[in-house]
């Protein structure tokens, strides 16, 4: 039987640090603040936006939830982002995904000032994550690495099989793993013999968004599993890993209670990092990081 790699303890510890730093900013006369842009039409997005709002209150961060009708145009949203870029009282900007099909997430994300892009989805921050330069890195990849570090699983010299090569998790996570000196095998929808790759892994990280993708028959007793998959089902949120895998591996993150729990906290840690970057650059919008 394995061990559950729950992230609540780590998330609470980081939250305490965030609260302390938020209070330090307040004592300097600055109220940390974040704006989330939500376009109506996806009930799950509305749920996640409200969950972030609840956490923001706990952390002392001012949270502006900006809700727009589904028919809002791409041009209107870009104008709204520009207003937020130029508002020195807003320190972070988030897009609640998915967006309606008529809106280009790529165009919208690249409208966000890099020093306010707390989701790390702009081209400037993607490049920073790739090169290791200063920037705002996406929270979910950071969450995967920090859970492993918290539980004493070093990445250096380990063979990590990463399932998923998406823009928001898989690709940036690959870069973070390489910088930790792991040996990384990236598997995806065209990979043959996924089980064969997993058999050679010390650590398995899944971010494919496919319920039940990893079964007990595909794993081995010394494997450590990080499940970053999010799948909405009638029974609630589930990951990519079959729950019975717990019995067949050394350790695995639960869903919920694992990667996602820490990810939300790290978004607010990114807000504080964004504030530091804005302070360094004088708070000017579109200043290069």
Protein backbone atom coordinates (compact mmCIF):
# COMPACT_ATOMS: atom_id res chain seq x y z
CA UNK A 1 0.00 0.00 0.00
CA UNK A 2 1.25 3.45 -0.92
CA UNK A 3 1.30 6.84 0.78
CA UNK A 4 -1.01 9.73 -0.05
CA UNK A 5 1.01 12.82 -0.91
CA UNK A 6 -1.50 15.34 0.39
CA UNK A 7 -0.61 18.99 -0.08
CA UNK A 8 -2.73 20.69 2.61
CA UNK A 9 0.11 20.99 5.14
CA UNK A 10 2.45 22.53 2.55
CA UNK A 11 -0.31 24.79 1.24
CA UNK A 12 -1.06 26.02 4.78
CA UNK A 13 2.62 26.74 5.41
CA UNK A 14 2.93 28.76 2.20
CA UNK A 15 -0.34 30.53 3.01
CA UNK A 16 1.10 31.69 6.34
CA UNK A 17 4.10 33.12 4.52
CA UNK A 18 1.83 34.88 2.01
CA UNK A 19 -0.29 36.40 4.80
CA UNK A 20 2.84 37.74 6.50
CA UNK A 21 4.14 39.26 3.25
CA UNK A 22 0.73 40.72 2.39
CA UNK A 23 0.67 42.44 5.78
CA UNK A 24 4.15 43.82 5.12
CA UNK A 25 2.90 45.37 1.89
CA UNK A 26 -0.13 46.80 3.68
CA UNK A 27 2.13 48.41 6.26
CA UNK A 28 3.86 50.13 3.35
CA UNK A 29 0.49 51.47 2.22
CA UNK A 30 -0.01 48.98 -0.63
CA UNK A 31 -3.00 46.61 -0.80
CA UNK A 32 -2.09 43.53 -2.88
CA UNK A 33 -4.82 43.02 -5.46
CA UNK A 34 -5.68 40.68 -8.29
CA UNK A 35 -8.27 40.80 -11.07
CA UNK A 36 -9.82 37.66 -12.55
CA UNK A 37 -11.60 37.86 -15.90
CA UNK A 38 -14.46 35.39 -16.21
CA UNK A 39 -16.61 35.06 -19.33
CA UNK A 40 -19.90 33.34 -18.55
CA UNK A 41 -20.80 29.98 -20.00
CA UNK A 42 -18.73 27.43 -18.08
CA UNK A 43 -20.11 26.51 -14.62
CA UNK A 44 -16.80 24.93 -13.53
CA UNK A 45 -14.94 28.18 -14.28
CA UNK A 46 -17.40 30.09 -12.13
CA UNK A 47 -16.84 27.62 -9.30
CA UNK A 48 -13.04 27.92 -9.50
CA UNK A 49 -13.22 31.71 -9.66
CA UNK A 50 -15.32 31.78 -6.49
CA UNK A 51 -12.92 29.36 -4.76
CA UNK A 52 -10.02 31.71 -5.52
CA UNK A 53 -12.04 34.61 -4.16
CA UNK A 54 -12.56 32.75 -0.88
CA UNK A 55 -8.83 32.02 -0.58
CA UNK A 56 -7.95 35.63 -1.45
CA UNK A 57 -10.03 36.85 1.49
CA UNK A 58 -8.21 34.44 3.80
CA UNK A 59 -4.83 35.67 2.55
CA UNK A 60 -5.73 39.34 2.72
CA UNK A 61 -5.47 39.87 -1.05
CA UNK A 62 -8.07 42.10 -2.68
CA UNK A 63 -9.88 40.09 -5.35
CA UNK A 64 -11.72 41.68 -8.24
CA UNK A 65 -13.90 39.12 -10.07
CA UNK A 66 -14.88 40.66 -13.40
CA UNK A 67 -17.74 38.70 -14.98
CA UNK A 68 -18.72 39.30 -18.60
CA UNK A 69 -21.47 37.88 -20.84
CA UNK A 70 -20.60 35.10 -23.26
CA UNK A 71 -21.11 37.36 -26.27
CA UNK A 72 -18.41 39.88 -25.26
CA UNK A 73 -15.98 40.45 -28.11
CA UNK A 74 -12.28 39.69 -28.16
CA UNK A 75 -11.53 43.37 -28.77
CA UNK A 76 -13.55 44.42 -25.73
CA UNK A 77 -11.68 41.96 -23.50
CA UNK A 78 -8.33 43.16 -24.80
CA UNK A 79 -9.33 46.73 -23.97
CA UNK A 80 -10.28 45.65 -20.45
CA UNK A 81 -6.91 43.93 -20.01
CA UNK A 82 -5.13 47.11 -21.13
CA UNK A 83 -7.03 49.09 -18.50
CA UNK A 84 -5.92 46.58 -15.85
CA UNK A 85 -2.34 46.74 -17.14
CA UNK A 86 -2.31 50.47 -16.50
CA UNK A 87 -4.01 50.29 -13.11
CA UNK A 88 -1.24 50.47 -10.51
CA UNK A 89 -3.66 49.19 -7.85
CA UNK A 90 -4.00 45.86 -9.68
CA UNK A 91 -0.93 43.63 -9.28
CA UNK A 92 -2.06 40.43 -10.96
CA UNK A 93 -4.35 39.51 -13.86
CA UNK A 94 -5.84 36.06 -14.41
CA UNK A 95 -7.99 34.63 -17.17
CA UNK A 96 -10.48 32.01 -16.05
CA UNK A 97 -10.31 29.35 -18.74
CA UNK A 98 -11.82 28.10 -20.95
CA UNK A 99 -12.89 31.10 -22.98
CA UNK A 100 -15.64 31.05 -25.64
CA UNK A 101 -14.46 29.84 -29.05
CA UNK A 102 -14.62 33.30 -30.62
CA UNK A 103 -11.93 34.58 -28.23
CA UNK A 104 -8.25 33.78 -28.83
CA UNK A 105 -6.70 32.90 -25.48
CA UNK A 106 -3.27 33.32 -27.06
CA UNK A 107 -3.99 36.89 -28.17
CA UNK A 108 -5.64 37.77 -24.89
CA UNK A 109 -2.86 36.32 -22.75
CA UNK A 110 -0.22 38.21 -24.71
CA UNK A 111 -2.11 41.42 -24.03
CA UNK A 112 -1.47 40.96 -20.30
CA UNK A 113 1.60 42.80 -19.01
CA UNK A 114 4.25 40.14 -18.28
CA UNK A 115 4.77 41.53 -14.77
CA UNK A 116 1.06 41.04 -13.99
CA UNK A 117 0.65 37.67 -15.73
CA UNK A 118 0.38 35.56 -12.55
CA UNK A 119 -0.74 32.48 -14.53
CA UNK A 120 2.50 32.57 -16.54
CA UNK A 121 0.68 32.19 -19.86
CA UNK A 122 2.08 35.12 -21.85
CA UNK A 123 4.80 34.53 -24.44
CA UNK A 124 7.32 36.48 -22.34
CA UNK A 125 6.75 34.30 -19.28
CA UNK A 126 6.70 31.09 -21.31
CA UNK A 127 10.13 32.03 -22.66
CA UNK A 128 11.35 32.87 -19.15
CA UNK A 129 10.24 29.43 -17.95
CA UNK A 130 12.04 27.85 -20.90
CA UNK A 131 15.32 29.68 -20.32
CA UNK A 132 15.24 29.85 -16.53
CA UNK A 133 15.29 33.64 -16.48
CA UNK A 134 13.30 35.73 -14.00
CA UNK A 135 9.60 35.62 -14.71
CA UNK A 136 6.23 34.39 -13.50
CA UNK A 137 6.01 30.62 -13.99
CA UNK A 138 2.68 28.75 -14.15
CA UNK A 139 1.48 27.49 -10.79
CA UNK A 140 0.52 23.88 -11.59
CA UNK A 141 4.02 22.85 -12.80
CA UNK A 142 5.49 24.52 -9.72
CA UNK A 143 3.03 22.61 -7.55
CA UNK A 144 4.17 19.25 -8.95
CA UNK A 145 7.83 19.98 -8.22
CA UNK A 146 7.24 21.42 -4.77
CA UNK A 147 5.14 18.48 -3.59
CA UNK A 148 7.98 16.14 -4.52
CA UNK A 149 10.48 18.37 -2.71
CA UNK A 150 8.24 18.64 0.36
CA UNK A 151 7.99 14.87 0.71
CA UNK A 152 11.71 14.32 0.21
CA UNK A 153 11.71 12.92 -3.32
CA UNK A 154 14.71 14.50 -5.06
CA UNK A 155 14.53 14.92 -8.82
CA UNK A 156 18.23 15.03 -9.57
CA UNK A 157 19.28 11.96 -11.50
CA UNK A 158 15.77 10.46 -11.39
CA UNK A 159 13.92 9.22 -14.45
CA UNK A 160 10.64 11.11 -14.69
CA UNK A 161 7.94 10.05 -17.14
CA UNK A 162 5.71 13.03 -17.90
CA UNK A 163 2.40 12.21 -19.57
CA UNK A 164 1.01 15.27 -21.34
CA UNK A 165 2.62 18.04 -23.37
CA UNK A 166 0.03 20.78 -23.03
CA UNK A 167 0.90 24.48 -23.06
CA UNK A 168 -0.18 25.17 -19.48
CA UNK A 169 1.25 22.18 -17.61
CA UNK A 170 3.25 19.64 -19.61
CA UNK A 171 5.64 21.87 -21.53
CA UNK A 172 6.57 24.28 -18.74
CA UNK A 173 6.81 21.38 -16.28
CA UNK A 174 9.30 19.64 -18.57
CA UNK A 175 11.57 22.69 -18.31
CA UNK A 176 11.31 22.82 -14.52
CA UNK A 177 12.14 19.11 -14.27
CA UNK A 178 15.18 19.50 -16.50
CA UNK A 179 16.42 22.38 -14.38
CA UNK A 180 16.19 20.04 -11.38
CA UNK A 181 18.51 17.69 -13.32
CA UNK A 182 15.93 14.97 -13.83
CA UNK A 183 16.00 12.72 -16.89
CA UNK A 184 12.65 13.36 -18.57
CA UNK A 185 10.63 11.19 -20.94
CA UNK A 186 7.60 13.02 -22.34
CA UNK A 187 4.68 10.82 -23.42
CA UNK A 188 1.58 12.00 -25.27
CA UNK A 189 -1.36 10.85 -27.37
CA UNK A 190 0.93 9.40 -30.07
CA UNK A 191 3.18 7.49 -27.66
CA UNK A 192 3.19 3.73 -28.11
CA UNK A 193 3.62 1.40 -25.12
CA UNK A 194 2.97 3.94 -22.37
CA UNK A 195 3.17 1.17 -19.78
CA UNK A 196 6.65 0.25 -21.04
CA UNK A 197 7.88 3.80 -20.40
CA UNK A 198 6.27 3.90 -16.95
CA UNK A 199 7.96 0.60 -16.05
CA UNK A 200 11.34 2.36 -16.30
CA UNK A 201 10.32 5.46 -14.33
CA UNK A 202 11.19 6.52 -10.80
CA UNK A 203 8.54 9.23 -10.89
CA UNK A 204 5.38 9.49 -12.99
CA UNK A 205 3.63 12.84 -13.52
CA UNK A 206 0.35 12.89 -15.42
CA UNK A 207 -1.25 16.00 -16.91
CA UNK A 208 -3.28 14.53 -19.74
CA UNK A 209 -6.86 15.23 -18.63
CA UNK A 210 -8.03 11.66 -19.22
CA UNK A 211 -9.88 9.90 -16.43
CA UNK A 212 -8.50 6.43 -15.66
CA UNK A 213 -5.55 6.79 -18.03
CA UNK A 214 -3.17 5.19 -15.53
CA UNK A 215 -4.31 1.81 -14.21
CA UNK A 216 -2.78 -0.40 -11.47
CA UNK A 217 -1.46 -2.77 -14.14
CA UNK A 218 0.75 0.00 -15.59
CA UNK A 219 2.67 0.91 -12.42
CA UNK A 220 5.19 -0.69 -10.06
CA UNK A 221 5.74 -0.70 -6.26
CA UNK A 222 8.65 1.79 -6.16
CA UNK A 223 6.92 4.40 -8.34
CA UNK A 224 6.04 7.88 -7.05
CA UNK A 225 3.03 9.36 -8.85
CA UNK A 226 1.99 13.01 -9.18
CA UNK A 227 -1.49 13.31 -10.66
CA UNK A 228 -2.00 16.78 -12.18
CA UNK A 229 -4.97 15.71 -14.26
CA UNK A 230 -8.35 17.40 -13.78
CA UNK A 231 -11.48 15.65 -15.05
CA UNK A 232 -15.03 16.67 -14.21
CA UNK A 233 -17.36 13.72 -13.71
CA UNK A 234 -20.83 13.18 -12.29
CA UNK A 235 -19.14 12.01 -9.09
CA UNK A 236 -16.95 15.11 -8.82
CA UNK A 237 -13.37 15.94 -9.77
CA UNK A 238 -11.00 13.10 -10.57
CA UNK A 239 -7.46 12.88 -11.91
CA UNK A 240 -5.79 10.81 -14.63
CA UNK A 241 -4.85 8.03 -12.23
CA UNK A 242 -7.20 5.24 -11.21
CA UNK A 243 -7.72 5.43 -7.44
CA UNK A 244 -6.72 1.76 -7.08
CA UNK A 245 -3.18 2.72 -8.17
CA UNK A 246 -2.68 3.77 -4.52
CA UNK A 247 -2.38 0.09 -3.61
CA UNK A 248 0.31 -0.58 -6.22
CA UNK A 249 2.82 2.29 -5.88
CA UNK A 250 5.09 3.85 -3.26
CA UNK A 251 3.22 7.17 -3.17
CA UNK A 252 0.61 9.15 -5.11
CA UNK A 253 -1.12 12.51 -4.88
CA UNK A 254 -4.89 12.41 -4.30
CA UNK A 255 -7.39 14.28 -6.49
CA UNK A 256 -8.69 16.45 -4.99
CA UNK A 257 -6.27 17.31 -2.19
CA UNK A 258 -3.01 17.13 -4.09
CA UNK A 259 -1.66 19.23 -6.94
CA UNK A 260 -4.74 21.43 -7.31
CA UNK A 261 -4.88 22.42 -3.64
CA UNK A 262 -1.32 23.73 -3.76
CA UNK A 263 -1.72 25.28 -7.22
CA UNK A 264 -4.33 27.76 -6.01
CA UNK A 265 -2.06 28.95 -3.20
CA UNK A 266 0.89 29.30 -5.55
CA UNK A 267 -1.16 31.60 -7.79
CA UNK A 268 -1.24 34.06 -4.89
CA UNK A 269 2.46 33.53 -4.24
CA UNK A 270 2.90 34.61 -7.86
CA UNK A 271 0.94 37.79 -7.10
CA UNK A 272 3.57 38.75 -4.53
CA UNK A 273 6.36 37.91 -6.94
CA UNK A 274 4.60 40.05 -9.55
CA UNK A 275 4.51 42.94 -7.08
CA UNK A 276 8.24 42.64 -6.56
CA UNK A 277 8.82 42.67 -10.31
CA UNK A 278 6.57 45.69 -10.71
CA UNK A 279 8.43 47.47 -7.92
CA UNK A 280 11.76 46.76 -9.63
CA UNK A 281 10.49 48.07 -12.96
CA UNK A 282 8.69 51.02 -11.45
CA UNK A 283 5.32 49.43 -12.18
CA UNK A 284 5.31 50.44 -15.83
CA UNK A 285 3.05 48.26 -17.96
CA UNK A 286 4.65 46.03 -20.61
CA UNK A 287 8.07 46.46 -19.08
CA UNK A 288 10.18 43.43 -19.98
CA UNK A 289 10.97 41.13 -17.11
